[in-house]
Amino acid sequence: MRTLIGKPTALLALPLAAGALVASGAPASAASSAATTSSAATTANTAASAPVRIQVSYPYGVRAGRVVSYKVKLVNNLKTRTDEIFLAVKFPKNVTKTRVYVPHGSKYHEHCTRERTRALCVLPGLKKGGSYTFWAKAQVSGSARGKLYGYFGGAVIDTSTNTDPRELFTEFGERIGWVKSKSTITR
């Protein structure tokens, strides 16, 4: 079974020092939408009955020429183990290198690509109530100005972790519901 994750369905903004996005894969019709705003815009997207929830913590401001880090957490919402998880992280512009790193000592055994503007990973399934935490890092271009947009999404898939993530990205492509982060670039 292949189920998309990362389909944002409801919005809630809270004042925090760093941003946090939460998303899951139910279709937009599966949950009601509510929107609230405040001075420090942290965004949280949630949905009912999704197999995996994505949580992304990100900075509001980044410096041109530096590396920016995003803490990404995948949480199993099911009462059983999930199939493998395909995760895509992409930055459409202002980035010269994108990577995904797992914490030292973890036993994730991920299979990731490392490209200029995106990183694609296939991760093992999550046990009931389990989660993965890792870091997505992007090298911001020294000439970058304006905003840095990051997109996080993926799918729960029934394939081996040795599958080429680029093939999965081609398969899911436009159907992925992206969780979007936005940081201001300073010089």
Protein backbone atom coordinates (compact mmCIF):
# COMPACT_ATOMS: atom_id res chain seq x y z
CA MET A 1 0.00 0.00 0.00
CA ARG A 2 1.29 3.47 -0.86
CA THR A 3 -0.05 6.40 1.11
CA LEU A 4 1.07 10.01 0.78
CA ILE A 5 2.23 11.88 3.87
CA GLY A 6 2.74 15.59 4.31
CA LYS A 7 -0.64 16.73 2.95
CA PRO A 8 -1.37 19.91 4.95
CA THR A 9 -5.01 20.22 5.94
CA ALA A 10 -5.36 22.65 8.84
CA LEU A 11 -3.34 25.63 10.02
CA LEU A 12 -2.55 26.95 13.48
CA ALA A 13 0.02 29.64 14.27
CA LEU A 14 1.67 30.00 17.68
CA PRO A 15 4.35 32.38 18.99
CA LEU A 16 7.64 30.46 19.37
CA ALA A 17 11.33 31.27 18.88
CA ALA A 18 11.74 28.74 16.06
CA GLY A 19 9.25 27.47 13.53
CA ALA A 20 7.59 24.09 13.71
CA LEU A 21 5.50 22.49 11.01
CA VAL A 22 3.40 19.40 11.51
CA ALA A 23 1.67 17.61 8.67
CA SER A 24 0.12 14.29 7.87
CA GLY A 25 -1.30 12.50 4.89
CA ALA A 26 -5.08 12.53 5.02
CA PRO A 27 -6.82 14.28 2.16
CA ALA A 28 -7.89 17.86 2.77
CA SER A 29 -11.52 16.75 3.08
CA ALA A 30 -10.65 14.44 5.99
CA ALA A 31 -10.10 17.23 8.49
CA SER A 32 -11.56 20.63 9.12
CA SER A 33 -9.47 23.76 8.63
CA ALA A 34 -8.86 26.47 11.16
CA ALA A 35 -6.51 29.42 10.87
CA THR A 36 -5.14 31.70 13.53
CA THR A 37 -2.32 34.22 13.29
CA SER A 38 0.02 35.88 15.75
CA SER A 39 3.14 38.06 15.68
CA ALA A 40 5.69 35.20 15.55
CA ALA A 41 4.38 32.91 12.86
CA THR A 42 5.05 29.28 13.68
CA THR A 43 2.91 27.06 11.53
CA ALA A 44 1.45 23.69 12.43
CA ASN A 45 -0.47 21.58 9.93
CA THR A 46 -2.40 18.53 11.15
CA ALA A 47 -4.90 16.00 9.82
CA ALA A 48 -6.98 13.17 11.21
CA SER A 49 -6.29 9.48 10.43
CA ALA A 50 -2.89 9.90 8.73
CA PRO A 51 -0.35 7.06 8.91
CA VAL A 52 2.71 9.27 9.52
CA ARG A 53 3.00 12.84 10.77
CA ILE A 54 5.89 15.12 9.76
CA GLN A 55 7.15 17.75 12.22
CA VAL A 56 9.68 20.31 11.01
CA SER A 57 11.47 22.86 13.22
CA TYR A 58 13.17 25.67 11.32
CA PRO A 59 14.67 29.13 11.92
CA TYR A 60 12.84 32.32 10.92
CA GLY A 61 16.08 34.01 9.85
CA VAL A 62 19.08 32.55 8.02
CA ARG A 63 22.34 34.13 6.86
CA ALA A 64 23.47 34.04 3.24
CA GLY A 65 26.50 31.77 2.79
CA ARG A 66 25.77 29.68 5.88
CA VAL A 67 24.28 26.24 6.54
CA VAL A 68 20.71 26.17 7.84
CA SER A 69 19.43 23.16 9.80
CA TYR A 70 15.89 21.78 9.96
CA LYS A 71 14.96 19.26 12.64
CA VAL A 72 12.60 16.74 11.03
CA LYS A 73 10.60 14.20 13.02
CA LEU A 74 8.39 11.46 11.54
CA VAL A 75 5.81 9.98 13.93
CA ASN A 76 3.77 6.80 13.37
CA ASN A 77 0.07 7.54 14.03
CA LEU A 78 -1.06 3.95 13.39
CA LYS A 79 -1.66 1.17 15.92
CA THR A 80 0.60 -1.09 13.85
CA ARG A 81 4.00 -0.90 12.17
CA THR A 82 4.15 1.18 8.96
CA ASP A 83 5.64 0.15 5.66
CA GLU A 84 8.83 1.89 4.52
CA ILE A 85 8.75 5.69 4.38
CA PHE A 86 9.80 7.83 1.42
CA LEU A 87 10.80 11.37 2.44
CA ALA A 88 11.58 14.29 0.13
CA VAL A 89 13.17 17.59 1.18
CA LYS A 90 13.58 20.29 -1.46
CA PHE A 91 14.58 23.93 -1.79
CA PRO A 92 13.60 25.48 -5.14
CA LYS A 93 16.24 28.25 -5.06
CA ASN A 94 18.92 30.02 -2.96
CA VAL A 95 20.59 26.71 -1.98
CA THR A 96 23.84 25.16 -3.25
CA LYS A 97 23.74 21.83 -1.36
CA THR A 98 21.06 19.80 0.48
CA ARG A 99 21.68 16.86 2.84
CA VAL A 100 19.80 14.68 5.33
CA TYR A 101 21.69 13.44 8.40
CA VAL A 102 20.61 10.94 11.03
CA PRO A 103 21.85 11.33 14.61
CA HIS A 104 25.04 9.46 15.58
CA GLY A 105 24.33 6.06 17.06
CA SER A 106 20.92 5.68 15.37
CA LYS A 107 19.85 2.44 13.72
CA TYR A 108 17.78 3.95 10.89
CA HIS A 109 19.72 2.42 7.94
CA GLU A 110 18.33 5.05 5.59
CA HIS A 111 19.00 5.23 1.85
CA CYS A 112 19.29 8.88 0.78
CA THR A 113 20.36 10.85 -2.26
CA ARG A 114 22.32 14.06 -1.83
CA GLU A 115 21.68 16.65 -4.49
CA ARG A 116 21.99 20.38 -4.96
CA THR A 117 18.43 21.47 -4.16
CA ARG A 118 16.85 18.31 -2.77
CA ALA A 119 17.45 15.23 -0.63
CA LEU A 120 15.36 12.08 -1.05
CA CYS A 121 15.33 9.22 1.46
CA VAL A 122 13.82 5.78 1.94
CA LEU A 123 13.55 4.88 5.62
CA PRO A 124 12.52 1.61 7.29
CA GLY A 125 8.97 1.35 8.63
CA LEU A 126 8.13 2.77 12.03
CA LYS A 127 6.93 0.57 14.88
CA LYS A 128 3.65 1.38 16.65
CA GLY A 129 3.97 4.84 18.23
CA GLY A 130 7.58 5.12 17.02
CA SER A 131 9.34 8.10 15.52
CA TYR A 132 12.46 9.07 13.58
CA THR A 133 14.31 12.31 14.21
CA PHE A 134 16.99 13.60 11.86
CA TRP A 135 18.39 16.81 10.38
CA ALA A 136 17.91 18.28 6.92
CA LYS A 137 20.67 20.78 6.16
CA ALA A 138 20.94 23.26 3.31
CA GLN A 139 23.89 25.43 2.30
CA VAL A 140 22.43 28.88 1.57
CA SER A 141 24.01 30.59 -1.44
CA GLY A 142 26.27 33.53 -0.59
CA SER A 143 24.36 35.70 -3.08
CA ALA A 144 20.91 34.66 -1.82
CA ARG A 145 18.38 37.37 -0.96
CA GLY A 146 14.75 37.47 0.10
CA LYS A 147 13.15 34.28 1.43
CA LEU A 148 14.31 30.69 1.72
CA TYR A 149 11.48 28.22 1.14
CA GLY A 150 11.84 24.58 2.18
CA TYR A 151 9.41 21.79 1.27
CA PHE A 152 9.01 18.51 3.16
CA GLY A 153 6.76 15.61 2.11
CA GLY A 154 6.65 11.96 1.21
CA ALA A 155 4.73 8.70 1.32
CA VAL A 156 4.39 5.42 3.18
CA ILE A 157 5.38 2.78 0.61
CA ASP A 158 5.49 -0.99 0.27
CA THR A 159 8.96 -1.39 -1.20
CA SER A 160 12.45 -2.20 0.08
CA THR A 161 14.75 0.43 1.55
CA ASN A 162 17.14 -0.29 -1.35
CA THR A 163 14.72 1.32 -3.82
CA ASP A 164 16.19 4.37 -5.58
CA PRO A 165 14.51 7.42 -3.98
CA ARG A 166 14.66 9.27 -7.33
CA GLU A 167 12.32 6.65 -8.84
CA LEU A 168 9.86 7.18 -5.97
CA PHE A 169 10.06 10.95 -6.42
CA THR A 170 9.22 10.49 -10.10
CA GLU A 171 6.30 8.20 -9.17
CA PHE A 172 4.77 10.49 -6.54
CA GLY A 173 5.94 13.85 -7.93
CA GLU A 174 2.98 16.21 -8.13
CA ARG A 175 0.81 14.19 -5.72
CA ILE A 176 2.96 14.92 -2.67
CA GLY A 177 1.38 17.44 -0.31
CA TRP A 178 4.30 19.61 0.74
CA VAL A 179 4.81 21.12 4.17
CA LYS A 180 6.33 24.54 3.48
CA SER A 181 8.79 26.48 5.64
CA LYS A 182 9.77 30.10 5.04
CA SER A 183 12.83 31.86 6.48
CA THR A 184 14.11 35.37 5.82
CA ILE A 185 17.62 35.56 4.37
CA THR A 186 19.88 38.21 5.92
CA ARG A 187 23.34 39.30 4.84
